[in-house]
């Protein structure tokens, strides 16, 4: 049996994330049903386009896990930077892969919440903006952190590696 590679680890991680997001989507279906039912029964002042938006928003929760599952190979290749059978000598590549995976998880968790909150704020306008501001800041911050982890994983990983090993006098 060959040893597990960075690519294999990333591929398994992306597929586990896809499964987690799919199960989360299934658990959120009842609440989405209630939101859609209220929007349709009360009628929307924003018209048919807003109702279509509200209907399509939960479908993103279904499309994202399916896309992650189907594109697990290319995503894992991007995360691990290769598909080779070598392992990292220092573990820095594994750390970078994990940082990217955490960023993808945060992105997948923050975007739907941010879109729902923005749709509520747009629908209720000034009334709910003040009460929703802390949540908007929190989800916006989570979204920004996820982008920072995805696109800045390599410098973050190098910094952590440098602080961990060079700061303590251990050889890398």
Protein backbone atom coordinates (compact mmCIF):
# COMPACT_ATOMS: atom_id res chain seq x y z
CA UNK A 1 0.00 0.00 0.00
CA UNK A 2 1.44 3.35 -1.02
CA UNK A 3 1.67 6.18 1.50
CA UNK A 4 -0.95 8.89 1.46
CA UNK A 5 0.15 11.99 -0.42
CA UNK A 6 -0.72 15.65 -0.07
CA UNK A 7 -2.98 15.32 -3.11
CA UNK A 8 -4.80 12.32 -1.59
CA UNK A 9 -5.22 14.14 1.72
CA UNK A 10 -6.59 17.25 -0.02
CA UNK A 11 -8.92 15.16 -2.21
CA UNK A 12 -10.37 13.36 0.81
CA UNK A 13 -10.71 16.66 2.66
CA UNK A 14 -12.60 18.34 -0.20
CA UNK A 15 -14.98 15.38 -0.49
CA UNK A 16 -15.60 15.36 3.27
CA UNK A 17 -16.33 19.08 3.10
CA UNK A 18 -18.79 18.45 0.27
CA UNK A 19 -20.56 15.79 2.33
CA UNK A 20 -20.69 18.07 5.38
CA UNK A 21 -22.17 20.93 3.31
CA UNK A 22 -24.73 18.61 1.74
CA UNK A 23 -25.88 17.37 5.15
CA UNK A 24 -26.04 20.99 6.35
CA UNK A 25 -28.16 21.83 3.32
CA UNK A 26 -30.56 19.01 4.15
CA UNK A 27 -30.86 20.14 7.76
CA UNK A 28 -31.64 23.72 6.65
CA UNK A 29 -34.41 22.74 4.24
CA UNK A 30 -37.27 23.05 6.77
CA UNK A 31 -36.29 26.60 7.70
CA UNK A 32 -35.95 27.56 4.03
CA UNK A 33 -39.40 26.12 3.41
CA UNK A 34 -40.85 28.34 6.14
CA UNK A 35 -39.09 31.44 4.78
CA UNK A 36 -40.35 30.78 1.26
CA UNK A 37 -43.86 30.05 2.53
CA UNK A 38 -43.97 33.33 4.46
CA UNK A 39 -42.61 35.29 1.51
CA UNK A 40 -45.18 33.83 -0.88
CA UNK A 41 -48.14 34.10 1.52
CA UNK A 42 -47.37 37.67 2.59
CA UNK A 43 -46.56 38.81 -0.90
CA UNK A 44 -43.42 40.72 -1.53
CA UNK A 45 -43.24 44.44 -2.12
CA UNK A 46 -40.16 43.81 -4.22
CA UNK A 47 -42.01 41.72 -6.77
CA UNK A 48 -41.39 38.47 -8.55
CA UNK A 49 -37.62 38.97 -8.93
CA UNK A 50 -37.14 38.96 -5.17
CA UNK A 51 -39.23 35.79 -4.78
CA UNK A 52 -37.17 34.10 -7.48
CA UNK A 53 -34.00 35.21 -5.65
CA UNK A 54 -35.34 33.77 -2.39
CA UNK A 55 -36.14 30.51 -4.15
CA UNK A 56 -32.72 30.26 -5.84
CA UNK A 57 -30.71 31.11 -2.72
CA UNK A 58 -31.18 27.72 -1.03
CA UNK A 59 -30.32 26.01 -4.31
CA UNK A 60 -26.82 27.46 -3.95
CA UNK A 61 -26.57 25.31 -0.85
CA UNK A 62 -27.13 22.30 -3.08
CA UNK A 63 -25.00 23.37 -6.04
CA UNK A 64 -21.89 24.15 -3.96
CA UNK A 65 -21.49 20.66 -2.41
CA UNK A 66 -22.15 18.97 -5.74
CA UNK A 67 -19.56 21.19 -7.43
CA UNK A 68 -17.05 20.49 -4.66
CA UNK A 69 -17.59 16.74 -4.99
CA UNK A 70 -17.30 16.74 -8.78
CA UNK A 71 -14.30 19.06 -8.83
CA UNK A 72 -12.49 17.47 -5.88
CA UNK A 73 -9.58 16.33 -8.06
CA UNK A 74 -8.76 19.73 -9.61
CA UNK A 75 -9.32 21.51 -6.29
CA UNK A 76 -7.03 19.05 -4.52
CA UNK A 77 -4.43 19.54 -7.24
CA UNK A 78 -4.58 23.31 -6.67
CA UNK A 79 -4.43 22.89 -2.90
CA UNK A 80 -1.50 20.47 -2.93
CA UNK A 81 0.24 22.15 -5.89
CA UNK A 82 0.86 18.74 -7.44
CA UNK A 83 -0.30 15.19 -7.80
CA UNK A 84 3.12 13.67 -7.16
CA UNK A 85 3.87 10.89 -4.69
CA UNK A 86 6.38 12.81 -2.59
CA UNK A 87 5.61 13.89 0.91
CA UNK A 88 6.64 17.14 2.50
CA UNK A 89 9.87 17.07 4.44
CA UNK A 90 8.83 19.79 6.87
CA UNK A 91 5.08 19.47 6.90
CA UNK A 92 4.78 23.04 5.60
CA UNK A 93 2.91 21.91 2.48
CA UNK A 94 0.43 20.01 4.62
CA UNK A 95 -0.09 23.12 6.75
CA UNK A 96 -0.74 25.22 3.65
CA UNK A 97 -3.21 22.61 2.37
CA UNK A 98 -5.04 22.64 5.70
CA UNK A 99 -5.17 26.46 5.76
CA UNK A 100 -6.74 26.46 2.29
CA UNK A 101 -9.25 23.79 3.39
CA UNK A 102 -10.20 25.87 6.45
CA UNK A 103 -10.61 28.88 4.16
CA UNK A 104 -12.92 26.92 1.85
CA UNK A 105 -14.96 25.75 4.82
CA UNK A 106 -15.31 29.29 6.16
CA UNK A 107 -16.26 30.53 2.69
CA UNK A 108 -18.90 27.83 2.31
CA UNK A 109 -20.35 28.64 5.72
CA UNK A 110 -20.26 32.44 5.50
CA UNK A 111 -21.55 33.14 1.97
CA UNK A 112 -25.07 31.66 2.41
CA UNK A 113 -25.51 33.36 5.79
CA UNK A 114 -24.27 36.67 4.39
CA UNK A 115 -26.60 36.45 1.38
CA UNK A 116 -29.62 35.60 3.54
CA UNK A 117 -28.86 38.46 5.92
CA UNK A 118 -28.39 40.88 3.03
CA UNK A 119 -31.70 39.79 1.50
CA UNK A 120 -33.44 40.39 4.84
CA UNK A 121 -31.84 43.82 5.15
CA UNK A 122 -32.82 44.71 1.57
CA UNK A 123 -36.38 43.52 2.12
CA UNK A 124 -36.89 45.35 5.43
CA UNK A 125 -34.47 48.17 4.60
CA UNK A 126 -33.84 50.65 7.43
CA UNK A 127 -35.75 48.78 10.15
CA UNK A 128 -33.50 45.74 10.25
CA UNK A 129 -30.21 47.31 9.17
CA UNK A 130 -29.31 48.60 12.63
CA UNK A 131 -30.21 45.32 14.31
CA UNK A 132 -28.44 43.27 11.62
CA UNK A 133 -25.24 45.32 11.58
CA UNK A 134 -23.35 43.15 14.11
CA UNK A 135 -24.21 40.00 12.16
CA UNK A 136 -23.28 41.68 8.87
CA UNK A 137 -19.90 42.63 10.33
CA UNK A 138 -19.37 39.12 11.71
CA UNK A 139 -20.29 37.29 8.50
CA UNK A 140 -18.44 39.85 6.38
CA UNK A 141 -15.37 39.35 8.56
CA UNK A 142 -15.72 35.58 8.26
CA UNK A 143 -15.96 35.97 4.47
CA UNK A 144 -12.84 38.17 4.35
CA UNK A 145 -10.94 35.75 6.62
CA UNK A 146 -11.87 32.86 4.32
CA UNK A 147 -10.52 34.72 1.27
CA UNK A 148 -7.37 35.61 3.21
CA UNK A 149 -6.84 31.95 4.14
CA UNK A 150 -7.49 30.69 0.61
CA UNK A 151 -5.32 33.19 -1.23
CA UNK A 152 -2.74 33.84 1.48
CA UNK A 153 -2.16 30.32 2.76
CA UNK A 154 1.40 30.06 1.47
CA UNK A 155 2.77 33.15 3.26
CA UNK A 156 0.81 32.29 6.41
CA UNK A 157 2.18 28.73 6.34
CA UNK A 158 5.74 29.97 5.85
CA UNK A 159 5.32 32.43 8.73
CA UNK A 160 3.95 29.77 11.07
CA UNK A 161 6.73 27.37 10.06
CA UNK A 162 9.40 30.05 10.59
CA UNK A 163 8.03 31.00 14.02
CA UNK A 164 7.57 27.39 15.08
CA UNK A 165 10.95 25.99 14.07
CA UNK A 166 13.35 28.86 13.71
CA UNK A 167 12.11 30.70 16.76
CA UNK A 168 12.52 27.66 18.99
CA UNK A 169 15.93 26.63 17.65
CA UNK A 170 14.66 23.29 16.27
CA UNK A 171 15.94 22.16 12.92
CA UNK A 172 13.39 22.00 10.12
